[in-house]
Amino acid sequence: MRVLHVAPEAYPLAKVGGLADVVGALPKALRPLGVEAHVLLPWHGGLEARRVGEVAFAFFGREERAPLGERVEGGVRFLLLGVEGFGRERVYGYPDDAERYLRFALAAKEVARGYDLVHAHDWTAALLALYAPTVYTIHNLAHQGLVDPGLFFSWTGLPWSLFHMEALEFYGRVNLMKGGIVFARRVTTVSPSYAEEIQTPEFGMGLDGVLRRHAGKLRGILNGLDTEVFDPGKDPYLPAPYTREDPSGKARAKEAFRERTGLRPPVLAYVGRLDYQKGLDLVLKALPRLLEMGFRLYVQGVGDGGLQEAFLRAEEENPEGVRFLPAYDEAMARLAYAGAEAVLVPSRFEPCGLVQMIASRYGTPPVARAVGGLKDTVEDGRGGVLFETYHPEGLLYGVLRLFRLGAEEMGLRAMEKDFSWEGPARAYREVYREALG
């Protein structure tokens, strides 16, 4: 079985969030199961690859051509499409994102002709479901890909007969994610709990009715973790290796983390995107009380400008209690996973989340909100702590409960959990077989 994963990002070539980790790791886990999986990405600025051909495709009624590159990393074959608009610094965040990714998808459908099945990821690849046998994965329902219908049908050449409420129409616009849900043979999302939540008005982002209508082909498969990449026993970013059986090296990581940040323990760490979805407003509101109780805060990430300003201000006002790194720095992220006393994951909603899995694997217990994949991965009271109420008091309660139960002991127990891709890969192979009939 030959499967083409089509996505905007994949580790280690381009990474913004957890989507990249999934797309980079799943093909490796599928290989032993007899699935030959390749990954197709846009040829983002700065990526190096060997040019292996050219792809002709139609856009806006005329033929365009895009160079096709190839690069192998970790045994996975990555293909890069050099369509117009992608030689830039960022993966997302431009005014013409809809046009760029529709152009990419139209070129991708030509590459897909050489495969049995397309595995399309999020709105950026959703259009593939209209052209090829597709499994469509929703990584985050909040980003749906809304497009002006006049532009959409001019760019793609698809018929206006698709612009109705049972197909692509969504409150007067084209919704690419809705198209993926409607036209894919199977739809997955990244945790069982999130698959249930998105069928409700509270979490459905306006698509709960569509998802309920297509519930028969919807399945939640928990993301795995690339346990070769995230392994404290051989992590090159750590000052010393350690395992659950011999955790002595973790003390070296704590010491290095303290030296790099200047923060004395206990340190609570947040690593990830600066986004209100991630519950960072709770962290800011709870911060004065946390500092009063003797905790320190380390925050690392990029994203929302308002949140970045708020954490810069918090560091200026509390130089001994807060450290903020507004950057994607893998070395410091690994040191935080290993060296902090706890990791905060207070999300409003969370499709799956990888931070809590990585931290657990590194023996640092998470304090997480009981939503989505966090519920499915954090064993409350054993490998971390869950809290229900989206309120600063809920977060404070979770932090205090963790340390009352014993954060260090809980971290060691968290290391017992199997987060590998082995089980999820088998589940995806089953979904692929169903999609191909």
Protein backbone atom coordinates (compact mmCIF):
# COMPACT_ATOMS: atom_id res chain seq x y z
CA MET A 1 0.00 0.00 0.00
CA ARG A 2 1.43 3.39 -1.05
CA VAL A 3 0.21 6.41 0.91
CA LEU A 4 1.04 10.07 0.31
CA HIS A 5 0.86 12.32 3.36
CA VAL A 6 0.12 15.89 2.29
CA ALA A 7 0.74 18.54 4.92
CA PRO A 8 2.05 22.10 5.43
CA GLU A 9 4.81 21.10 7.88
CA ALA A 10 6.74 18.04 9.00
CA TYR A 11 9.63 17.50 11.40
CA PRO A 12 12.56 17.85 10.85
CA LEU A 13 12.09 20.00 7.70
CA ALA A 14 9.57 22.61 8.86
CA LYS A 15 7.89 22.88 12.23
CA VAL A 16 5.39 25.27 13.77
CA GLY A 17 3.53 22.94 16.11
CA GLY A 18 2.58 19.37 16.93
CA LEU A 19 1.28 18.71 13.41
CA ALA A 20 4.88 18.63 12.21
CA ASP A 21 5.84 15.99 14.77
CA VAL A 22 2.94 13.76 13.73
CA VAL A 23 3.61 13.99 9.99
CA GLY A 24 7.30 13.37 10.53
CA ALA A 25 6.88 10.34 12.79
CA LEU A 26 3.83 8.44 11.49
CA PRO A 27 5.38 7.36 8.14
CA LYS A 28 8.31 5.78 10.01
CA ALA A 29 5.93 3.83 12.25
CA LEU A 30 3.90 2.63 9.24
CA ARG A 31 6.88 1.15 7.42
CA PRO A 32 7.16 -2.06 9.51
CA LEU A 33 3.42 -2.60 8.92
CA GLY A 34 3.84 -2.82 5.16
CA VAL A 35 2.69 0.72 4.37
CA GLU A 36 5.01 2.74 2.12
CA ALA A 37 4.30 6.30 3.20
CA HIS A 38 5.89 9.43 1.71
CA VAL A 39 5.38 13.05 2.77
CA LEU A 40 4.60 15.94 0.40
CA LEU A 41 5.23 19.49 1.64
CA PRO A 42 5.43 22.95 0.10
CA TRP A 43 9.01 23.91 -0.71
CA HIS A 44 9.30 26.49 2.06
CA GLY A 45 12.07 29.07 2.05
CA GLY A 46 15.40 27.77 3.27
CA LEU A 47 14.68 24.07 2.66
CA GLU A 48 17.31 22.20 0.68
CA ALA A 49 16.43 19.22 -1.51
CA ARG A 50 17.51 17.47 -4.71
CA ARG A 51 15.37 18.46 -7.68
CA VAL A 52 13.85 15.33 -9.23
CA GLY A 53 11.26 16.68 -11.65
CA GLU A 54 8.51 19.13 -12.42
CA VAL A 55 4.76 19.03 -11.84
CA ALA A 56 2.27 20.57 -14.27
CA PHE A 57 -1.12 21.62 -12.88
CA ALA A 58 -3.97 24.03 -13.59
CA PHE A 59 -4.62 27.13 -11.52
CA PHE A 60 -6.96 30.00 -12.39
CA GLY A 61 -7.60 28.46 -15.79
CA ARG A 62 -4.01 28.25 -16.94
CA GLU A 63 -1.20 25.74 -16.71
CA GLU A 64 1.53 26.27 -14.15
CA ARG A 65 4.63 24.25 -13.42
CA ALA A 66 6.31 23.61 -10.08
CA PRO A 67 9.70 22.05 -9.37
CA LEU A 68 9.59 18.82 -7.36
CA GLY A 69 12.33 18.18 -4.82
CA GLU A 70 13.26 15.08 -2.84
CA ARG A 71 14.98 14.64 0.49
CA VAL A 72 15.29 11.62 2.77
CA GLU A 73 15.39 12.11 6.54
CA GLY A 74 15.27 9.31 9.11
CA GLY A 75 14.36 6.83 6.38
CA VAL A 76 11.32 8.89 5.31
CA ARG A 77 11.05 10.21 1.73
CA PHE A 78 10.01 13.86 1.70
CA LEU A 79 8.83 15.47 -1.53
CA LEU A 80 8.82 19.27 -1.84
CA LEU A 81 6.61 21.22 -4.25
CA GLY A 82 7.95 24.60 -5.30
CA VAL A 83 4.66 26.26 -6.18
CA GLU A 84 4.44 30.05 -6.27
CA GLY A 85 4.25 31.82 -2.92
CA PHE A 86 6.25 29.47 -0.70
CA GLY A 87 9.82 30.74 -0.81
CA ARG A 88 9.20 32.61 2.43
CA GLU A 89 10.29 32.46 6.05
CA ARG A 90 7.05 31.32 7.70
CA VAL A 91 4.79 28.32 7.10
CA TYR A 92 1.58 30.28 7.81
CA GLY A 93 0.50 33.78 8.67
CA TYR A 94 0.36 35.58 5.31
CA PRO A 95 -2.70 37.34 3.81
CA ASP A 96 -2.57 35.04 0.77
CA ASP A 97 -2.40 31.75 2.72
CA ALA A 98 -5.66 30.48 1.17
CA GLU A 99 -4.41 31.12 -2.37
CA ARG A 100 -0.97 29.64 -1.66
CA TYR A 101 -2.30 26.44 -0.15
CA LEU A 102 -4.99 25.95 -2.79
CA ARG A 103 -2.27 26.23 -5.44
CA PHE A 104 -0.21 23.70 -3.47
CA ALA A 105 -3.17 21.29 -3.18
CA LEU A 106 -3.92 21.48 -6.92
CA ALA A 107 -0.31 20.60 -7.69
CA ALA A 108 -0.34 17.90 -4.99
CA LYS A 109 -3.27 16.11 -6.65
CA GLU A 110 -1.03 15.49 -9.67
CA VAL A 111 1.67 13.94 -7.46
CA ALA A 112 -1.01 11.85 -5.73
CA ARG A 113 -1.78 9.99 -8.97
CA GLY A 114 1.14 7.67 -8.21
CA TYR A 115 -0.30 6.55 -4.84
CA ASP A 116 -3.12 4.32 -3.63
CA LEU A 117 -4.32 6.77 -1.00
CA VAL A 118 -3.84 10.34 0.18
CA HIS A 119 -3.60 11.13 3.87
CA ALA A 120 -4.45 14.85 4.00
CA HIS A 121 -3.70 16.90 7.10
CA ASP A 122 -5.77 19.92 8.21
CA TRP A 123 -7.35 22.61 6.02
CA THR A 124 -4.26 23.22 3.92
CA ALA A 125 -4.59 19.80 2.24
CA ALA A 126 -8.36 19.30 2.55
CA LEU A 127 -9.01 19.99 -1.16
CA LEU A 128 -7.37 16.64 -2.01
CA ALA A 129 -10.49 14.84 -0.75
CA LEU A 130 -12.37 16.09 -3.84
CA TYR A 131 -9.88 14.51 -6.22
CA ALA A 132 -8.39 11.32 -4.75
CA PRO A 133 -9.22 8.51 -2.28
CA THR A 134 -8.45 10.32 0.97
CA VAL A 135 -8.17 9.87 4.69
CA TYR A 136 -8.53 13.32 6.22
CA THR A 137 -7.11 14.17 9.65
CA ILE A 138 -8.33 17.12 11.71
CA HIS A 139 -5.49 18.32 13.90
CA ASN A 140 -7.20 21.51 15.04
CA LEU A 141 -10.79 22.39 14.16
CA ALA A 142 -10.20 26.07 14.96
CA HIS A 143 -8.34 26.61 11.67
CA GLN A 144 -10.77 25.77 8.86
CA GLY A 145 -9.61 27.57 5.73
CA LEU A 146 -12.40 29.99 4.76
CA VAL A 147 -12.28 31.32 1.20
CA ASP A 148 -14.34 33.73 -0.89
CA PRO A 149 -16.40 31.50 -3.23
CA GLY A 150 -15.77 33.62 -6.31
CA LEU A 151 -12.02 33.31 -5.85
CA PHE A 152 -12.19 29.64 -4.91
CA PHE A 153 -14.10 28.51 -7.99
CA SER A 154 -12.00 30.73 -10.27
CA TRP A 155 -8.74 29.36 -8.87
CA THR A 156 -9.73 25.68 -8.79
CA GLY A 157 -12.05 25.41 -11.80
CA LEU A 158 -14.43 23.29 -9.74
CA PRO A 159 -18.16 23.66 -10.49
CA TRP A 160 -20.37 26.08 -8.54
CA SER A 161 -22.73 23.14 -7.97
CA LEU A 162 -20.50 22.27 -4.98
CA PHE A 163 -21.48 25.52 -3.26
CA HIS A 164 -24.31 24.30 -1.03
CA MET A 165 -24.69 23.42 2.63
CA GLU A 166 -24.14 19.66 2.12
CA ALA A 167 -20.81 20.29 0.38
CA LEU A 168 -18.49 23.31 0.61
CA GLU A 169 -20.74 26.24 1.58
CA PHE A 170 -20.36 27.64 5.11
CA TYR A 171 -22.21 30.89 5.93
CA GLY A 172 -21.61 32.29 2.46
CA ARG A 173 -18.01 31.18 2.15
CA VAL A 174 -16.15 28.05 1.06
CA ASN A 175 -14.93 26.05 4.06
CA LEU A 176 -12.01 23.81 3.07
CA MET A 177 -12.07 21.77 6.26
CA LYS A 178 -15.77 21.09 5.78
CA GLY A 179 -14.94 19.84 2.28
CA GLY A 180 -12.37 17.47 3.72
CA ILE A 181 -14.90 16.10 6.20
CA VAL A 182 -17.66 15.69 3.60
CA PHE A 183 -15.64 14.21 0.73
CA ALA A 184 -12.97 12.10 2.45
CA ARG A 185 -13.59 8.37 2.68
CA ARG A 186 -12.52 8.35 6.33
CA VAL A 187 -12.01 11.20 8.80
CA THR A 188 -9.78 10.98 11.84
CA THR A 189 -8.83 13.32 14.60
CA VAL A 190 -5.97 13.11 17.00
CA SER A 191 -7.55 11.73 20.16
CA PRO A 192 -10.71 9.79 21.06
CA SER A 193 -11.93 12.49 23.46
CA TYR A 194 -11.49 15.24 20.87
CA ALA A 195 -13.46 13.18 18.32
CA GLU A 196 -16.36 13.20 20.78
CA GLU A 197 -15.98 16.85 21.81
CA ILE A 198 -16.02 18.28 18.29
CA GLN A 199 -19.48 16.82 17.72
CA THR A 200 -20.83 19.22 20.38
CA PRO A 201 -21.63 22.95 20.01
CA GLU A 202 -19.09 23.83 22.73
CA PHE A 203 -16.11 22.45 20.82
CA GLY A 204 -17.44 22.02 17.26
CA MET A 205 -16.48 25.49 15.97
CA GLY A 206 -19.64 25.62 13.86
CA LEU A 207 -18.97 22.22 12.26
CA ASP A 208 -20.50 20.02 14.98
CA GLY A 209 -23.60 19.35 12.87
CA VAL A 210 -21.49 18.31 9.87
CA LEU A 211 -19.39 16.04 12.08
CA ARG A 212 -22.48 14.43 13.61
CA ARG A 213 -23.84 13.75 10.12
CA HIS A 214 -20.55 12.08 9.17
CA ALA A 215 -19.92 10.41 12.53
CA GLY A 216 -19.98 6.98 10.91
CA LYS A 217 -16.65 7.64 9.21
CA LEU A 218 -15.08 9.64 12.07
CA ARG A 219 -12.54 8.07 14.41
CA GLY A 220 -10.26 9.45 17.10
CA ILE A 221 -6.73 8.02 17.06
CA LEU A 222 -4.39 9.27 19.74
CA ASN A 223 -1.16 10.75 18.43
CA GLY A 224 2.01 8.96 19.28
CA LEU A 225 5.40 10.35 20.09
CA ASP A 226 8.61 9.73 18.18
CA THR A 227 10.35 7.91 21.02
CA GLU A 228 13.63 7.89 19.10
CA VAL A 229 13.66 11.68 18.91
CA PHE A 230 12.33 12.25 22.42
CA ASP A 231 14.45 9.93 24.56
CA PRO A 232 16.18 11.26 27.70
CA GLY A 233 18.40 8.19 27.59
CA LYS A 234 20.18 9.49 24.49
CA ASP A 235 19.09 13.09 24.00
CA PRO A 236 22.03 15.14 22.64
CA TYR A 237 20.54 18.33 24.09
CA LEU A 238 20.84 17.11 27.70
CA PRO A 239 24.01 17.30 29.80
CA ALA A 240 23.66 13.65 30.86
CA PRO A 241 21.42 10.73 29.86
CA TYR A 242 18.90 9.23 32.25
CA THR A 243 16.12 6.64 32.36
CA ARG A 244 13.38 5.70 34.76
CA GLU A 245 15.58 2.89 36.08
CA ASP A 246 18.54 5.25 36.53
CA PRO A 247 17.26 8.84 36.82
CA SER A 248 20.49 10.27 38.26
CA GLY A 249 21.20 12.27 35.09
CA LYS A 250 18.01 14.27 35.60
CA ALA A 251 19.72 16.17 38.43
CA ARG A 252 22.32 17.35 35.92
CA ALA A 253 19.51 18.58 33.64
CA LYS A 254 17.91 20.49 36.52
CA GLU A 255 21.23 22.11 37.34
CA ALA A 256 21.83 23.10 33.70
CA PHE A 257 18.28 24.46 33.39
CA ARG A 258 18.79 26.54 36.53
CA GLU A 259 22.08 27.92 35.20
CA ARG A 260 20.57 28.81 31.80
CA THR A 261 17.43 30.48 33.19
CA GLY A 262 18.62 31.88 36.51
CA LEU A 263 15.46 30.53 38.13
CA ARG A 264 15.60 28.61 41.38
CA PRO A 265 13.15 25.72 41.86
CA PRO A 266 10.35 24.93 41.89
CA VAL A 267 9.96 26.03 38.25
CA LEU A 268 6.74 25.63 36.25
CA ALA A 269 7.39 25.57 32.50
CA TYR A 270 5.27 26.31 29.46
CA VAL A 271 6.72 25.36 26.07
CA GLY A 272 4.69 25.90 22.92
CA ARG A 273 2.75 28.30 20.75
CA LEU A 274 1.71 31.65 22.27
CA ASP A 275 -2.01 31.30 21.63
CA TYR A 276 -5.07 31.96 23.77
CA GLN A 277 -6.22 28.42 22.92
CA LYS A 278 -3.36 27.22 25.10
CA GLY A 279 -4.78 28.84 28.25
CA LEU A 280 -2.00 31.38 28.67
CA ASP A 281 -4.45 33.97 29.97
CA LEU A 282 -4.92 31.65 32.97
CA VAL A 283 -1.17 31.51 33.49
CA LEU A 284 -0.92 35.31 33.46
CA LYS A 285 -3.83 35.74 35.86
CA ALA A 286 -2.53 33.07 38.23
CA LEU A 287 1.07 34.34 38.09
CA PRO A 288 0.97 36.74 41.09
CA ARG A 289 -0.37 33.98 43.35
CA LEU A 290 2.12 31.45 42.00
CA LEU A 291 5.02 33.82 42.70
CA GLU A 292 3.68 34.53 46.20
CA MET A 293 3.69 30.79 46.89
CA GLY A 294 7.33 30.51 45.84
CA PHE A 295 6.98 29.10 42.33
CA ARG A 296 8.97 30.36 39.34
CA LEU A 297 7.76 30.47 35.73
CA TYR A 298 9.59 29.68 32.49
CA VAL A 299 7.77 30.39 29.21
CA GLN A 300 9.13 29.62 25.74
CA GLY A 301 7.35 30.16 22.45
CA VAL A 302 6.29 32.46 19.65
CA GLY A 303 2.88 33.53 18.40
CA ASP A 304 0.34 36.11 19.54
CA GLY A 305 1.90 39.56 19.88
CA GLY A 306 -0.26 40.55 22.84
CA LEU A 307 0.76 37.48 24.81
CA GLN A 308 4.39 38.05 23.94
CA GLU A 309 4.20 41.60 25.29
CA ALA A 310 2.47 40.36 28.46
CA PHE A 311 5.19 37.83 29.22
CA LEU A 312 7.97 40.30 28.43
CA ARG A 313 6.35 42.70 30.90
CA ALA A 314 5.97 39.91 33.48
CA GLU A 315 9.70 39.16 33.20
CA GLU A 316 10.61 42.85 33.56
CA GLU A 317 8.44 43.18 36.67
CA ASN A 318 9.61 39.85 38.18
CA PRO A 319 13.23 39.34 37.09
CA GLU A 320 13.88 36.68 39.71
CA GLY A 321 10.62 34.82 39.18
CA VAL A 322 9.88 34.82 35.44
CA ARG A 323 11.96 34.00 32.39
CA PHE A 324 10.54 34.37 28.86
CA LEU A 325 12.23 33.12 25.68
CA PRO A 326 10.32 34.40 22.60
CA ALA A 327 11.85 31.90 20.19
CA TYR A 328 11.67 28.35 18.90
CA ASP A 329 14.74 26.82 20.56
CA GLU A 330 14.75 23.02 20.57
CA ALA A 331 17.75 22.76 22.90
CA MET A 332 16.10 24.92 25.57
CA ALA A 333 12.78 23.15 25.09
CA ARG A 334 14.41 19.78 25.84
CA LEU A 335 16.19 21.24 28.85
CA ALA A 336 12.88 22.60 30.14
CA TYR A 337 11.15 19.23 29.69
CA ALA A 338 13.93 17.61 31.72
CA GLY A 339 14.80 20.36 34.19
CA ALA A 340 11.55 22.00 35.30
CA GLU A 341 9.58 20.65 38.24
CA ALA A 342 6.30 20.62 36.28
CA VAL A 343 4.93 21.54 32.85
CA LEU A 344 1.74 23.59 32.43
CA VAL A 345 -0.82 22.63 29.76
CA PRO A 346 -3.96 24.63 30.74
CA SER A 347 -5.63 24.61 27.31
CA ARG A 348 -9.13 25.89 26.54
CA PHE A 349 -9.35 22.91 24.17
CA GLU A 350 -6.67 20.49 23.05
CA PRO A 351 -7.07 18.09 20.12
CA CYS A 352 -4.21 15.92 21.39
CA GLY A 353 -1.19 17.83 22.59
CA LEU A 354 2.38 16.54 22.55
CA VAL A 355 3.95 18.67 25.27
CA GLN A 356 2.38 16.63 28.07
CA MET A 357 3.66 13.40 26.46
CA ILE A 358 7.18 14.73 25.96
CA ALA A 359 7.35 16.07 29.51
CA SER A 360 6.08 12.76 30.89
CA ARG A 361 8.70 10.85 28.93
CA TYR A 362 11.33 13.16 30.45
CA GLY A 363 10.00 12.55 33.97
CA THR A 364 8.39 15.97 34.45
CA PRO A 365 4.71 15.76 35.41
CA PRO A 366 2.12 17.90 33.59
CA VAL A 367 -0.58 20.03 35.15
CA ALA A 368 -3.23 19.93 32.43
CA ARG A 369 -6.84 20.82 31.84
CA ALA A 370 -9.20 17.84 31.46
CA VAL A 371 -10.04 18.34 27.78
CA GLY A 372 -9.41 16.47 24.53
CA GLY A 373 -6.21 14.49 24.25
CA LEU A 374 -5.00 15.75 27.63
CA LYS A 375 -7.68 13.57 29.26
CA ASP A 376 -6.52 10.61 27.18
CA THR A 377 -2.82 10.92 28.00
CA VAL A 378 -2.46 12.26 31.56
CA GLU A 379 -3.26 9.74 34.31
CA ASP A 380 -4.73 12.04 36.93
CA GLY A 381 -3.08 11.60 40.30
CA ARG A 382 -0.53 9.13 38.99
CA GLY A 383 1.51 10.63 36.13
CA GLY A 384 0.30 14.22 36.47
CA VAL A 385 -2.72 16.26 37.50
CA LEU A 386 -5.87 17.28 35.60
CA PHE A 387 -8.14 20.20 36.50
CA GLU A 388 -11.63 20.87 35.15
CA THR A 389 -12.51 24.54 35.57
CA TYR A 390 -11.18 27.05 33.04
CA HIS A 391 -10.27 29.63 35.67
CA PRO A 392 -7.04 30.77 37.37
CA GLU A 393 -8.24 29.05 40.53
CA GLY A 394 -8.51 25.79 38.61
CA LEU A 395 -4.88 26.08 37.49
CA LEU A 396 -3.72 27.03 41.00
CA TYR A 397 -5.60 24.05 42.44
CA GLY A 398 -3.91 21.74 39.93
CA VAL A 399 -0.42 23.04 40.73
CA LEU A 400 -0.91 22.79 44.50
CA ARG A 401 -2.43 19.31 44.19
CA LEU A 402 0.54 18.10 42.13
CA PHE A 403 3.08 19.20 44.72
CA ARG A 404 0.96 17.92 47.60
CA LEU A 405 0.87 14.47 45.96
CA GLY A 406 4.59 14.57 45.16
CA ALA A 407 5.74 16.02 41.84
CA GLU A 408 9.05 14.14 41.66
CA GLU A 409 7.48 10.74 42.34
CA MET A 410 4.69 11.45 39.88
CA GLY A 411 7.24 12.36 37.24
CA LEU A 412 8.96 9.00 37.60
CA ARG A 413 5.61 7.20 37.28
CA ALA A 414 4.81 9.26 34.16
CA MET A 415 7.91 7.77 32.51
CA GLU A 416 6.26 4.31 32.60
CA LYS A 417 3.59 5.23 30.03
CA ASP A 418 3.97 4.04 26.44
CA PHE A 419 3.52 6.96 24.05
CA SER A 420 5.08 5.26 21.03
CA TRP A 421 3.55 5.29 17.53
CA GLU A 422 3.21 1.50 17.40
CA GLY A 423 -0.46 1.35 18.45
CA PRO A 424 -1.60 4.46 16.55
CA ALA A 425 0.17 3.24 13.39
CA ARG A 426 -1.78 -0.03 13.49
CA ALA A 427 -5.00 1.97 13.91
CA TYR A 428 -4.16 4.13 10.88
CA ARG A 429 -3.36 1.07 8.76
CA GLU A 430 -6.83 -0.24 9.62
CA VAL A 431 -8.40 3.10 8.59
CA TYR A 432 -6.44 3.05 5.31
CA ARG A 433 -7.74 -0.44 4.54
CA GLU A 434 -11.30 0.68 5.27
CA ALA A 435 -10.87 3.73 3.01
CA LEU A 436 -9.68 1.55 0.14
CA GLY A 437 -12.54 -0.88 0.64
